[in-house]
């Protein structure tokens, strides 16, 4: 697996897991349902993550990193977490 492809595969698995965990919690989705919602195989998932717990940790790290970027962009660590999460959206909400 080339490095670029591995990075893309890992990111796709994390994105699918993030959506599954957001929709169904940690206990709800199985590894198979996460794979079904990604473009990866079970082998590729286990190449990057030895367990569902390791995958969940990667999802949490992604969310933490996104929050940190928002705080940096806003220039203040005093931002309320709910405001930061709302700022993660790339689409505007109708008023």
Protein backbone atom coordinates (compact mmCIF):
# COMPACT_ATOMS: atom_id res chain seq x y z
CA UNK A 1 0.00 0.00 0.00
CA UNK A 2 1.49 3.34 -0.99
CA UNK A 3 1.81 5.96 1.71
CA UNK A 4 -0.68 8.33 0.05
CA UNK A 5 -3.22 5.55 -0.39
CA UNK A 6 -2.71 4.42 3.21
CA UNK A 7 -3.35 7.95 4.48
CA UNK A 8 -6.52 8.19 2.39
CA UNK A 9 -7.71 4.76 3.54
CA UNK A 10 -7.09 5.58 7.20
CA UNK A 11 -8.93 8.90 6.89
CA UNK A 12 -11.89 7.19 5.19
CA UNK A 13 -12.17 4.59 7.94
CA UNK A 14 -12.01 7.29 10.61
CA UNK A 15 -14.69 9.35 8.83
CA UNK A 16 -17.00 6.34 8.55
CA UNK A 17 -16.45 5.45 12.20
CA UNK A 18 -17.04 9.04 13.29
CA UNK A 19 -20.40 9.06 11.52
CA UNK A 20 -21.38 5.65 12.90
CA UNK A 21 -20.41 6.62 16.47
CA UNK A 22 -22.25 9.94 16.14
CA UNK A 23 -25.38 8.20 14.87
CA UNK A 24 -25.37 5.07 17.05
CA UNK A 25 -22.97 5.63 19.95
CA UNK A 26 -19.90 3.51 20.63
CA UNK A 27 -21.70 0.23 21.32
CA UNK A 28 -24.12 0.45 18.38
CA UNK A 29 -21.97 0.00 15.29
CA UNK A 30 -19.94 -3.10 14.59
CA UNK A 31 -16.65 -3.17 12.73
CA UNK A 32 -18.62 -4.63 9.80
CA UNK A 33 -21.10 -1.73 9.76
CA UNK A 34 -18.25 0.77 9.87
CA UNK A 35 -16.58 -0.99 6.93
CA UNK A 36 -19.89 -1.05 5.04
CA UNK A 37 -20.06 2.74 5.33
CA UNK A 38 -16.48 3.26 4.17
CA UNK A 39 -14.66 2.34 0.99
CA UNK A 40 -12.24 0.08 2.87
CA UNK A 41 -11.91 -3.60 3.60
CA UNK A 42 -11.76 -5.30 6.98
CA UNK A 43 -8.08 -6.02 6.36
CA UNK A 44 -7.37 -2.35 5.68
CA UNK A 45 -9.20 -1.31 8.83
CA UNK A 46 -7.25 -3.78 10.96
CA UNK A 47 -4.00 -2.72 9.28
CA UNK A 48 -4.51 0.75 10.74
CA UNK A 49 -6.46 -0.05 13.92
CA UNK A 50 -6.02 -3.23 15.99
CA UNK A 51 -9.43 -2.82 17.64
CA UNK A 52 -12.67 -0.87 17.72
CA UNK A 53 -11.33 0.92 20.79
CA UNK A 54 -8.22 2.06 18.89
CA UNK A 55 -10.47 3.29 16.08
CA UNK A 56 -12.63 5.22 18.57
CA UNK A 57 -9.49 6.80 20.03
CA UNK A 58 -8.50 7.97 16.53
CA UNK A 59 -11.98 9.46 16.04
CA UNK A 60 -11.69 11.32 19.35
CA UNK A 61 -8.24 12.60 18.39
CA UNK A 62 -9.67 13.93 15.11
CA UNK A 63 -12.46 15.73 16.96
CA UNK A 64 -9.98 17.15 19.50
CA UNK A 65 -7.73 18.37 16.67
CA UNK A 66 -10.68 20.00 14.90
CA UNK A 67 -11.68 21.73 18.14
CA UNK A 68 -8.09 22.97 18.63
CA UNK A 69 -7.99 24.39 15.11
CA UNK A 70 -11.24 26.26 15.73
CA UNK A 71 -9.92 27.68 18.99
CA UNK A 72 -6.72 28.79 17.25
CA UNK A 73 -8.69 30.37 14.42
CA UNK A 74 -10.91 32.23 16.87
CA UNK A 75 -7.88 33.22 18.94
CA UNK A 76 -9.30 32.20 22.30
CA UNK A 77 -9.43 29.11 24.45
CA UNK A 78 -12.41 30.68 26.22
CA UNK A 79 -14.77 29.55 23.46
CA UNK A 80 -17.55 27.32 24.77
CA UNK A 81 -17.29 23.75 23.40
CA UNK A 82 -20.82 23.94 21.94
CA UNK A 83 -19.88 27.08 20.03
CA UNK A 84 -16.76 25.34 18.74
CA UNK A 85 -18.78 22.34 17.57
CA UNK A 86 -21.25 24.64 15.84
CA UNK A 87 -18.30 26.33 14.14
CA UNK A 88 -17.19 22.97 12.70
CA UNK A 89 -20.09 23.03 10.27
CA UNK A 90 -19.13 24.08 6.76
CA UNK A 91 -22.71 24.80 5.74
CA UNK A 92 -24.68 27.82 6.80
CA UNK A 93 -27.96 27.39 8.58
CA UNK A 94 -31.03 29.28 7.38
CA UNK A 95 -32.12 32.05 9.74
